């Protein structure tokens, strides 16, 4: 198999109240009410047209302060090592994050957001509208997370950042 290298340039930067990985929320449900902004670069402003009609957005971003990749991690809701692709840990071969956030309003190139769970200064790679008909799946199973349901709101990141 031959694959070529892929590179992306950020379209903007995320600003949040979280400057340190220790103590920040893990996943948007743990960040309920946390507000931040996405400052999109001016050359992409036309791409923001019609975005204000959506209440929620999917943000794709680069984990710019993630530690080195690991294929096995102990997730924050478990005490067993798991394959990184069966977790949301940022210690991935390609440190790409995904969050669903609430869009409060747009002012030019600035998006005002709620339920942010990323670090201040995080490079923003893409924005997509969250559309329940496309994005909400009827899920039959959630693997090892079954025993942890309902506990994500209680957790904050620790010094291990990504586990």
C-alpha atoms as a PDB file:
ATOM      1  CA  UNK A   1       0.000   0.000   0.000  1.00  0.00           C
ATOM      2  CA  UNK A   2       1.372   3.387  -0.971  1.00  0.00           C
ATOM      3  CA  UNK A   3       0.016   6.481   0.711  1.00  0.00           C
ATOM      4  CA  UNK A   4       1.139  10.043   0.165  1.00  0.00           C
ATOM      5  CA  UNK A   5       1.728  12.508   2.971  1.00  0.00           C
ATOM      6  CA  UNK A   6      -1.202  14.820   3.752  1.00  0.00           C
ATOM      7  CA  UNK A   7      -0.852  18.305   5.227  1.00  0.00           C
ATOM      8  CA  UNK A   8      -3.482  20.826   6.307  1.00  0.00           C
ATOM      9  CA  UNK A   9      -3.321  24.508   7.155  1.00  0.00           C
ATOM     10  CA  UNK A  10      -5.490  25.853   9.979  1.00  0.00           C
ATOM     11  CA  UNK A  11      -8.495  27.980   9.031  1.00  0.00           C
ATOM     12  CA  UNK A  12      -8.424  29.752  12.384  1.00  0.00           C
ATOM     13  CA  UNK A  13      -7.794  29.387  16.089  1.00  0.00           C
ATOM     14  CA  UNK A  14      -9.977  28.409  19.052  1.00  0.00           C
ATOM     15  CA  UNK A  15      -9.963  30.559  22.175  1.00  0.00           C
ATOM     16  CA  UNK A  16     -11.191  28.986  25.397  1.00  0.00           C
ATOM     17  CA  UNK A  17     -10.805  29.535  29.137  1.00  0.00           C
ATOM     18  CA  UNK A  18      -8.514  26.483  29.333  1.00  0.00           C
ATOM     19  CA  UNK A  19      -4.813  27.334  29.076  1.00  0.00           C
ATOM     20  CA  UNK A  20      -3.544  24.204  30.788  1.00  0.00           C
ATOM     21  CA  UNK A  21      -4.462  20.577  30.007  1.00  0.00           C
ATOM     22  CA  UNK A  22      -4.673  19.752  33.727  1.00  0.00           C
ATOM     23  CA  UNK A  23      -8.201  20.428  34.938  1.00  0.00           C
ATOM     24  CA  UNK A  24      -9.817  21.139  31.577  1.00  0.00           C
ATOM     25  CA  UNK A  25     -13.065  19.364  30.651  1.00  0.00           C
ATOM     26  CA  UNK A  26     -12.938  16.096  28.759  1.00  0.00           C
ATOM     27  CA  UNK A  27     -15.512  15.942  25.952  1.00  0.00           C
ATOM     28  CA  UNK A  28     -18.265  18.561  25.426  1.00  0.00           C
ATOM     29  CA  UNK A  29     -20.686  17.047  28.007  1.00  0.00           C
ATOM     30  CA  UNK A  30     -18.031  17.764  30.644  1.00  0.00           C
ATOM     31  CA  UNK A  31     -17.747  21.342  29.345  1.00  0.00           C
ATOM     32  CA  UNK A  32     -21.429  22.271  29.686  1.00  0.00           C
ATOM     33  CA  UNK A  33     -21.665  26.055  29.744  1.00  0.00           C
ATOM     34  CA  UNK A  34     -17.965  26.688  29.009  1.00  0.00           C
ATOM     35  CA  UNK A  35     -17.743  29.490  26.465  1.00  0.00           C
ATOM     36  CA  UNK A  36     -15.123  30.280  23.877  1.00  0.00           C
ATOM     37  CA  UNK A  37     -14.673  31.582  20.371  1.00  0.00           C
ATOM     38  CA  UNK A  38     -13.409  30.443  17.004  1.00  0.00           C
ATOM     39  CA  UNK A  39     -11.501  33.189  15.226  1.00  0.00           C
ATOM     40  CA  UNK A  40     -11.584  32.225  11.551  1.00  0.00           C
ATOM     41  CA  UNK A  41      -9.008  33.726   9.193  1.00  0.00           C
ATOM     42  CA  UNK A  42     -10.363  36.535   7.007  1.00  0.00           C
ATOM     43  CA  UNK A  43      -9.776  34.667   3.748  1.00  0.00           C
ATOM     44  CA  UNK A  44     -12.358  32.079   4.874  1.00  0.00           C
ATOM     45  CA  UNK A  45     -15.115  34.518   5.904  1.00  0.00           C
ATOM     46  CA  UNK A  46     -17.248  33.784   2.815  1.00  0.00           C
ATOM     47  CA  UNK A  47     -17.323  30.137   3.925  1.00  0.00           C
ATOM     48  CA  UNK A  48     -19.096  31.152   7.139  1.00  0.00           C
ATOM     49  CA  UNK A  49     -22.109  32.415   5.203  1.00  0.00           C
ATOM     50  CA  UNK A  50     -25.395  30.789   6.353  1.00  0.00           C
ATOM     51  CA  UNK A  51     -23.723  29.160   9.385  1.00  0.00           C
ATOM     52  CA  UNK A  52     -25.822  31.228  11.821  1.00  0.00           C
ATOM     53  CA  UNK A  53     -28.864  29.120  10.932  1.00  0.00           C
ATOM     54  CA  UNK A  54     -27.394  26.142  12.815  1.00  0.00           C
ATOM     55  CA  UNK A  55     -27.469  25.747  16.580  1.00  0.00           C
ATOM     56  CA  UNK A  56     -24.579  23.266  16.741  1.00  0.00           C
ATOM     57  CA  UNK A  57     -21.313  22.824  14.900  1.00  0.00           C
ATOM     58  CA  UNK A  58     -18.795  20.045  14.477  1.00  0.00           C
ATOM     59  CA  UNK A  59     -15.290  21.405  14.960  1.00  0.00           C
ATOM     60  CA  UNK A  60     -12.246  19.529  13.698  1.00  0.00           C
ATOM     61  CA  UNK A  61      -8.981  20.701  15.209  1.00  0.00           C
ATOM     62  CA  UNK A  62      -5.359  19.806  15.824  1.00  0.00           C
ATOM     63  CA  UNK A  63      -4.326  18.639  19.321  1.00  0.00           C
ATOM     64  CA  UNK A  64      -1.372  21.032  19.322  1.00  0.00           C
ATOM     65  CA  UNK A  65      -0.165  20.119  22.817  1.00  0.00           C
ATOM     66  CA  UNK A  66      -0.780  16.376  22.747  1.00  0.00           C
ATOM     67  CA  UNK A  67       2.038  14.131  23.890  1.00  0.00           C
ATOM     68  CA  UNK A  68       3.695  11.674  21.526  1.00  0.00           C
ATOM     69  CA  UNK A  69       1.387   9.146  19.864  1.00  0.00           C
ATOM     70  CA  UNK A  70       0.695   5.860  21.643  1.00  0.00           C
ATOM     71  CA  UNK A  71      -1.259   2.962  20.260  1.00  0.00           C
ATOM     72  CA  UNK A  72      -2.340   1.788  23.720  1.00  0.00           C
ATOM     73  CA  UNK A  73      -3.719   4.157  26.377  1.00  0.00           C
ATOM     74  CA  UNK A  74      -5.607   3.876  29.641  1.00  0.00           C
ATOM     75  CA  UNK A  75      -8.682   6.070  29.080  1.00  0.00           C
ATOM     76  CA  UNK A  76      -9.970   8.434  31.751  1.00  0.00           C
ATOM     77  CA  UNK A  77     -13.170   6.410  32.240  1.00  0.00           C
ATOM     78  CA  UNK A  78     -11.436   3.058  32.629  1.00  0.00           C
ATOM     79  CA  UNK A  79      -8.519   1.379  34.353  1.00  0.00           C
ATOM     80  CA  UNK A  80      -7.701  -1.034  31.516  1.00  0.00           C
ATOM     81  CA  UNK A  81      -5.302  -0.265  28.656  1.00  0.00           C
ATOM     82  CA  UNK A  82      -7.211   0.106  25.371  1.00  0.00           C
ATOM     83  CA  UNK A  83      -6.287   0.573  21.741  1.00  0.00           C
ATOM     84  CA  UNK A  84      -6.094   4.302  21.007  1.00  0.00           C
ATOM     85  CA  UNK A  85      -8.644   3.955  18.184  1.00  0.00           C
ATOM     86  CA  UNK A  86     -11.183   2.643  20.721  1.00  0.00           C
ATOM     87  CA  UNK A  87     -10.762   5.851  22.749  1.00  0.00           C
ATOM     88  CA  UNK A  88     -10.967   9.611  22.337  1.00  0.00           C
ATOM     89  CA  UNK A  89      -7.403  10.138  23.631  1.00  0.00           C
ATOM     90  CA  UNK A  90      -5.413  12.865  21.830  1.00  0.00           C
ATOM     91  CA  UNK A  91      -2.257  10.734  21.758  1.00  0.00           C
ATOM     92  CA  UNK A  92      -3.100   9.551  18.241  1.00  0.00           C
ATOM     93  CA  UNK A  93      -0.916   9.026  15.159  1.00  0.00           C
ATOM     94  CA  UNK A  94      -2.794  11.986  13.631  1.00  0.00           C
ATOM     95  CA  UNK A  95      -3.777  14.208  16.578  1.00  0.00           C
ATOM     96  CA  UNK A  96      -7.117  15.401  15.211  1.00  0.00           C
ATOM     97  CA  UNK A  97      -9.867  16.365  17.631  1.00  0.00           C
ATOM     98  CA  UNK A  98     -13.603  16.548  17.056  1.00  0.00           C
ATOM     99  CA  UNK A  99     -16.144  18.356  19.214  1.00  0.00           C
ATOM    100  CA  UNK A 100     -19.793  19.223  18.821  1.00  0.00           C
ATOM    101  CA  UNK A 101     -20.379  22.700  20.243  1.00  0.00           C
ATOM    102  CA  UNK A 102     -23.289  25.132  20.432  1.00  0.00           C
ATOM    103  CA  UNK A 103     -23.070  28.176  18.164  1.00  0.00           C
ATOM    104  CA  UNK A 104     -24.308  31.200  20.100  1.00  0.00           C
ATOM    105  CA  UNK A 105     -23.735  33.796  17.376  1.00  0.00           C
ATOM    106  CA  UNK A 106     -21.446  34.909  14.587  1.00  0.00           C
ATOM    107  CA  UNK A 107     -19.848  38.322  14.254  1.00  0.00           C
ATOM    108  CA  UNK A 108     -17.852  38.505  11.033  1.00  0.00           C
ATOM    109  CA  UNK A 109     -15.047  35.956  11.301  1.00  0.00           C
ATOM    110  CA  UNK A 110     -15.670  35.285  15.004  1.00  0.00           C
ATOM    111  CA  UNK A 111     -17.933  32.474  16.179  1.00  0.00           C
ATOM    112  CA  UNK A 112     -19.150  32.574  19.776  1.00  0.00           C
ATOM    113  CA  UNK A 113     -19.380  29.041  21.134  1.00  0.00           C
ATOM    114  CA  UNK A 114     -20.584  27.130  24.166  1.00  0.00           C
ATOM    115  CA  UNK A 115     -19.589  23.716  25.545  1.00  0.00           C
ATOM    116  CA  UNK A 116     -15.960  24.054  24.439  1.00  0.00           C
ATOM    117  CA  UNK A 117     -13.586  21.334  25.614  1.00  0.00           C
ATOM    118  CA  UNK A 118     -10.344  22.267  23.896  1.00  0.00           C
ATOM    119  CA  UNK A 119      -7.266  24.228  24.934  1.00  0.00           C
ATOM    120  CA  UNK A 120      -6.877  27.913  24.258  1.00  0.00           C
ATOM    121  CA  UNK A 121      -4.915  28.474  21.060  1.00  0.00           C
ATOM    122  CA  UNK A 122      -5.996  25.207  19.429  1.00  0.00           C
ATOM    123  CA  UNK A 123      -5.611  25.358  15.629  1.00  0.00           C
ATOM    124  CA  UNK A 124      -8.991  24.978  13.898  1.00  0.00           C
ATOM    125  CA  UNK A 125      -8.951  22.730  10.805  1.00  0.00           C
ATOM    126  CA  UNK A 126     -12.598  22.676   9.712  1.00  0.00           C
ATOM    127  CA  UNK A 127     -16.181  23.522  10.667  1.00  0.00           C
ATOM    128  CA  UNK A 128     -19.257  21.541   9.693  1.00  0.00           C
ATOM    129  CA  UNK A 129     -22.877  22.098  10.690  1.00  0.00           C
ATOM    130  CA  UNK A 130     -24.251  19.465  13.034  1.00  0.00           C
ATOM    131  CA  UNK A 131     -27.354  17.961  11.395  1.00  0.00           C
ATOM    132  CA  UNK A 132     -29.139  15.320  13.513  1.00  0.00           C
ATOM    133  CA  UNK A 133     -30.565  13.578  10.424  1.00  0.00           C
ATOM    134  CA  UNK A 134     -26.992  13.039   9.204  1.00  0.00           C
ATOM    135  CA  UNK A 135     -24.988  12.877  12.420  1.00  0.00           C
ATOM    136  CA  UNK A 136     -27.125  11.261  15.133  1.00  0.00           C
ATOM    137  CA  UNK A 137     -26.993   7.491  14.834  1.00  0.00           C
ATOM    138  CA  UNK A 138     -29.095   4.891  16.616  1.00  0.00           C
ATOM    139  CA  UNK A 139     -26.302   3.182  18.538  1.00  0.00           C
ATOM    140  CA  UNK A 140     -26.562  -0.444  19.613  1.00  0.00           C
ATOM    141  CA  UNK A 141     -23.338  -0.678  21.625  1.00  0.00           C
ATOM    142  CA  UNK A 142     -20.530   1.484  22.971  1.00  0.00           C
ATOM    143  CA  UNK A 143     -17.931  -1.154  23.755  1.00  0.00           C
ATOM    144  CA  UNK A 144     -15.981  -0.871  26.983  1.00  0.00           C
ATOM    145  CA  UNK A 145     -17.662   2.491  27.714  1.00  0.00           C
ATOM    146  CA  UNK A 146     -20.915   0.762  28.714  1.00  0.00           C
ATOM    147  CA  UNK A 147     -19.755   0.590  32.336  1.00  0.00           C
ATOM    148  CA  UNK A 148     -18.823   4.313  32.346  1.00  0.00           C
ATOM    149  CA  UNK A 149     -22.048   5.824  30.994  1.00  0.00           C
ATOM    150  CA  UNK A 150     -23.079   9.022  32.754  1.00  0.00           C
ATOM    151  CA  UNK A 151     -19.678   9.681  34.339  1.00  0.00           C
ATOM    152  CA  UNK A 152     -17.997  11.912  31.746  1.00  0.00           C
ATOM    153  CA  UNK A 153     -19.280  15.166  33.283  1.00  0.00           C
ATOM    154  CA  UNK A 154     -17.367  14.424  36.492  1.00  0.00           C
ATOM    155  CA  UNK A 155     -13.934  14.136  34.874  1.00  0.00           C
ATOM    156  CA  UNK A 156     -11.255  16.689  34.116  1.00  0.00           C
ATOM    157  CA  UNK A 157      -7.969  16.172  32.341  1.00  0.00           C
ATOM    158  CA  UNK A 158      -4.942  15.425  34.483  1.00  0.00           C
ATOM    159  CA  UNK A 159      -1.194  15.622  33.998  1.00  0.00           C
ATOM    160  CA  UNK A 160      -1.299  12.575  31.721  1.00  0.00           C
ATOM    161  CA  UNK A 161      -3.345  14.621  29.148  1.00  0.00           C
ATOM    162  CA  UNK A 162      -4.771  12.159  26.735  1.00  0.00           C
ATOM    163  CA  UNK A 163      -5.362   9.158  28.865  1.00  0.00           C
END
